[in-house]
Amino acid sequence: MDNNEKNIDVEKQRRQILDYASENGLVVDMFLQESKIEALKSSIKTDNHTLIFANIVALGMSLLQIKESISILAKMNLTVISVQEGYVWGPKDLKAFPRWFDLVLDIRSSMSSLLTCRALAERKAQGVRLGRKTRNKKRVFDGREEEIKQKLADGVTKVQIAKDFGVAQVTLYAFLRQHPELKPQNVMGK
């Protein structure tokens, strides 16, 4: 996002917060940006404060960050409001939130795993082949075994042979491992 988009978004969020506060008889003392939850600890000295966010994502950019932010807020005896989602958590709610959050994440993970297993089983029952697709392309060295054997017999290095075929050295080495009969007996280590 460029700075203009960020400024418009910040102003929109401020407007949402001010509108909510006005509708609910609350007074906004200050605005914080960038989820500076730790900064709140030093600025709030008394209980009974309400923290208003435009949306839950303001608490963090990942579920773990949101959980950590709420854990910090729970220790501060605050009421937290998320305007867009309509969440209102009192101090007691916040203290229980991290445990519930972990439970929800565990349930979500289990459900996701179960749904994936079921979907894969269903696809397998339909005859769909699961796993990586096999390569159907013709390989670079297919049908050129004698040419490679001759180059090796002529003393051409493996590095040069790989360059001649336009492949990585690792590809040539793997091919030679699969075809040990190509390695001439009198040329070792090339």
Protein backbone atom coordinates (compact mmCIF):
# COMPACT_ATOMS: atom_id res chain seq x y z
CA MET A 1 0.00 0.00 0.00
CA ASP A 2 1.33 3.44 -0.78
CA ASN A 3 1.22 6.25 1.79
CA ASN A 4 -1.97 7.82 0.36
CA GLU A 5 -3.83 4.51 0.68
CA LYS A 6 -2.51 4.05 4.23
CA ASN A 7 -3.56 7.60 5.20
CA ILE A 8 -7.05 7.12 3.73
CA ASP A 9 -7.40 3.80 5.57
CA VAL A 10 -6.19 5.32 8.85
CA GLU A 11 -8.63 8.22 8.50
CA LYS A 12 -11.46 5.80 7.75
CA GLN A 13 -10.58 3.79 10.87
CA ARG A 14 -10.40 6.95 13.00
CA ARG A 15 -13.83 7.97 11.71
CA GLN A 16 -15.26 4.52 12.58
CA ILE A 17 -13.81 4.71 16.09
CA LEU A 18 -15.02 8.28 16.68
CA ASP A 19 -18.51 7.42 15.37
CA TYR A 20 -18.71 4.36 17.64
CA ALA A 21 -17.49 6.33 20.64
CA SER A 22 -20.00 9.11 19.97
CA GLU A 23 -22.90 6.67 19.58
CA ASN A 24 -21.99 4.93 22.85
CA GLY A 25 -21.14 7.93 24.99
CA LEU A 26 -17.40 7.23 25.10
CA VAL A 27 -14.59 9.80 24.94
CA VAL A 28 -11.50 9.13 22.82
CA ASP A 29 -8.36 10.24 24.70
CA MET A 30 -5.76 9.18 22.15
CA PHE A 31 -5.12 7.23 18.98
CA LEU A 32 -2.39 4.63 18.52
CA GLN A 33 -1.27 3.19 15.21
CA GLU A 34 0.63 0.06 14.21
CA SER A 35 -0.68 -2.09 17.08
CA LYS A 36 1.60 -0.54 19.71
CA ILE A 37 -0.04 -2.53 22.49
CA GLU A 38 3.11 -2.47 24.64
CA ALA A 39 3.06 1.35 24.52
CA LEU A 40 -0.33 1.29 26.24
CA LYS A 41 1.15 -0.18 29.40
CA SER A 42 3.08 2.97 30.18
CA SER A 43 0.35 5.41 29.16
CA ILE A 44 -2.58 3.81 31.07
CA LYS A 45 -2.19 4.21 34.83
CA THR A 46 -5.73 3.46 36.06
CA ASP A 47 -8.38 0.79 35.54
CA ASN A 48 -11.69 1.08 33.72
CA HIS A 49 -10.36 2.15 30.33
CA THR A 50 -11.91 1.07 27.05
CA LEU A 51 -9.77 0.33 24.04
CA ILE A 52 -11.55 0.67 20.69
CA PHE A 53 -10.19 -0.85 17.47
CA ALA A 54 -11.68 -0.36 14.03
CA ASN A 55 -11.23 -4.10 13.43
CA ILE A 56 -9.64 -7.12 15.06
CA VAL A 57 -6.73 -7.11 12.58
CA ALA A 58 -5.47 -3.94 14.27
CA LEU A 59 -4.29 -6.22 17.10
CA GLY A 60 -1.87 -8.07 14.81
CA MET A 61 -1.22 -9.37 11.34
CA SER A 62 -1.38 -13.05 12.32
CA LEU A 63 -3.50 -15.11 14.67
CA LEU A 64 -0.53 -15.53 16.98
CA GLN A 65 0.06 -11.75 17.14
CA ILE A 66 -3.63 -11.15 17.87
CA LYS A 67 -3.53 -13.75 20.66
CA GLU A 68 -0.38 -12.18 22.14
CA SER A 69 -1.91 -8.69 21.99
CA ILE A 70 -5.06 -9.86 23.74
CA SER A 71 -2.94 -11.60 26.40
CA ILE A 72 -1.18 -8.27 27.08
CA LEU A 73 -4.50 -6.41 27.19
CA ALA A 74 -5.97 -9.01 29.58
CA LYS A 75 -3.32 -8.09 32.16
CA MET A 76 -4.30 -4.41 31.94
CA ASN A 77 -7.92 -4.74 33.14
CA LEU A 78 -9.41 -3.10 30.03
CA THR A 79 -12.55 -3.40 27.99
CA VAL A 80 -11.74 -4.01 24.33
CA ILE A 81 -14.08 -3.21 21.45
CA SER A 82 -13.66 -4.15 17.79
CA VAL A 83 -16.07 -1.92 15.85
CA GLN A 84 -16.35 -3.75 12.52
CA GLU A 85 -16.86 -7.20 14.03
CA GLY A 86 -18.99 -5.94 16.92
CA TYR A 87 -16.85 -7.62 19.59
CA VAL A 88 -16.95 -6.25 23.13
CA TRP A 89 -14.71 -8.01 25.64
CA GLY A 90 -14.63 -7.05 29.28
CA PRO A 91 -11.63 -7.70 31.54
CA LYS A 92 -12.91 -11.16 32.55
CA ASP A 93 -13.52 -12.10 28.90
CA LEU A 94 -10.00 -11.06 27.97
CA LYS A 95 -8.44 -13.19 30.70
CA ALA A 96 -10.19 -16.32 29.38
CA PHE A 97 -9.62 -15.42 25.75
CA PRO A 98 -6.11 -16.90 25.25
CA ARG A 99 -7.25 -20.34 26.46
CA TRP A 100 -10.33 -20.22 24.24
CA PHE A 101 -8.24 -18.95 21.37
CA ASP A 102 -5.90 -21.95 21.68
CA LEU A 103 -8.90 -24.28 21.79
CA VAL A 104 -10.42 -22.71 18.67
CA LEU A 105 -7.09 -22.96 16.81
CA ASP A 106 -6.78 -26.64 17.80
CA ILE A 107 -10.34 -27.34 16.65
CA ARG A 108 -9.75 -25.48 13.39
CA SER A 109 -6.57 -27.45 12.74
CA SER A 110 -8.29 -30.76 13.47
CA MET A 111 -11.23 -29.89 11.24
CA SER A 112 -8.95 -28.83 8.43
CA SER A 113 -6.98 -32.07 8.70
CA LEU A 114 -10.15 -34.16 8.80
CA LEU A 115 -11.66 -32.35 5.80
CA THR A 116 -8.45 -32.79 3.82
CA CYS A 117 -8.35 -36.52 4.60
CA ARG A 118 -11.98 -36.94 3.61
CA ALA A 119 -11.53 -35.01 0.37
CA LEU A 120 -8.47 -37.06 -0.56
CA ALA A 121 -10.26 -40.33 0.25
CA GLU A 122 -13.22 -39.24 -1.88
CA ARG A 123 -10.97 -38.32 -4.81
CA LYS A 124 -9.14 -41.65 -4.48
CA ALA A 125 -12.49 -43.51 -4.45
CA GLN A 126 -13.37 -41.68 -7.68
CA GLY A 127 -10.24 -43.11 -9.24
CA VAL A 128 -8.21 -39.93 -9.21
CA ARG A 129 -4.50 -40.61 -8.95
CA LEU A 130 -3.10 -38.79 -5.92
CA GLY A 131 0.43 -37.52 -5.42
CA ARG A 132 2.90 -35.98 -7.80
CA LYS A 133 2.35 -36.40 -11.47
CA THR A 134 4.92 -38.45 -13.32
CA ARG A 135 6.86 -36.82 -16.11
CA ASN A 136 5.64 -37.78 -19.53
CA LYS A 137 8.15 -35.57 -21.31
CA LYS A 138 10.94 -37.14 -23.25
CA ARG A 139 14.14 -36.79 -21.27
CA VAL A 140 17.15 -34.99 -22.69
CA PHE A 141 19.35 -38.07 -22.71
CA ASP A 142 16.77 -40.59 -24.01
CA GLY A 143 18.15 -42.35 -27.09
CA ARG A 144 21.51 -40.61 -26.78
CA GLU A 145 23.22 -43.11 -24.52
CA GLU A 146 25.81 -44.12 -27.15
CA GLU A 147 26.68 -40.47 -27.81
CA ILE A 148 27.32 -39.91 -24.09
CA LYS A 149 29.35 -43.14 -23.85
CA GLN A 150 31.48 -42.04 -26.81
CA LYS A 151 32.08 -38.56 -25.34
CA LEU A 152 33.18 -40.11 -22.07
CA ALA A 153 35.48 -42.54 -23.96
CA ASP A 154 36.95 -39.58 -25.86
CA GLY A 155 37.87 -37.94 -22.57
CA VAL A 156 35.24 -35.16 -22.62
CA THR A 157 34.58 -34.05 -19.05
CA LYS A 158 31.18 -34.52 -17.47
CA VAL A 159 30.99 -30.76 -16.96
CA GLN A 160 31.41 -30.22 -20.70
CA ILE A 161 28.94 -32.97 -21.61
CA ALA A 162 26.33 -31.36 -19.34
CA LYS A 163 26.98 -27.99 -21.04
CA ASP A 164 26.72 -29.60 -24.50
CA PHE A 165 23.28 -30.99 -23.62
CA GLY A 166 22.17 -27.81 -21.83
CA VAL A 167 21.51 -29.48 -18.49
CA ALA A 168 22.83 -29.11 -14.98
CA GLN A 169 25.75 -31.34 -13.98
CA VAL A 170 23.53 -32.94 -11.34
CA THR A 171 21.15 -34.09 -14.10
CA LEU A 172 23.99 -35.78 -16.00
CA TYR A 173 25.35 -37.39 -12.81
CA ALA A 174 21.89 -38.77 -11.96
CA PHE A 175 21.53 -40.17 -15.49
CA LEU A 176 24.96 -41.84 -15.29
CA ARG A 177 24.05 -43.38 -11.90
CA GLN A 178 20.96 -44.88 -13.53
CA HIS A 179 23.05 -46.15 -16.47
CA PRO A 180 26.36 -47.49 -15.06
CA GLU A 181 27.00 -49.36 -18.33
CA LEU A 182 27.77 -46.01 -20.01
CA LYS A 183 30.85 -45.34 -17.92
CA PRO A 184 33.92 -46.55 -19.84
CA GLN A 185 36.26 -48.75 -17.84
CA ASN A 186 39.40 -46.84 -18.77
CA VAL A 187 38.09 -43.37 -17.90
CA MET A 188 37.75 -42.90 -14.16
CA GLY A 189 36.68 -39.73 -12.35
CA LYS A 190 35.83 -37.68 -15.44
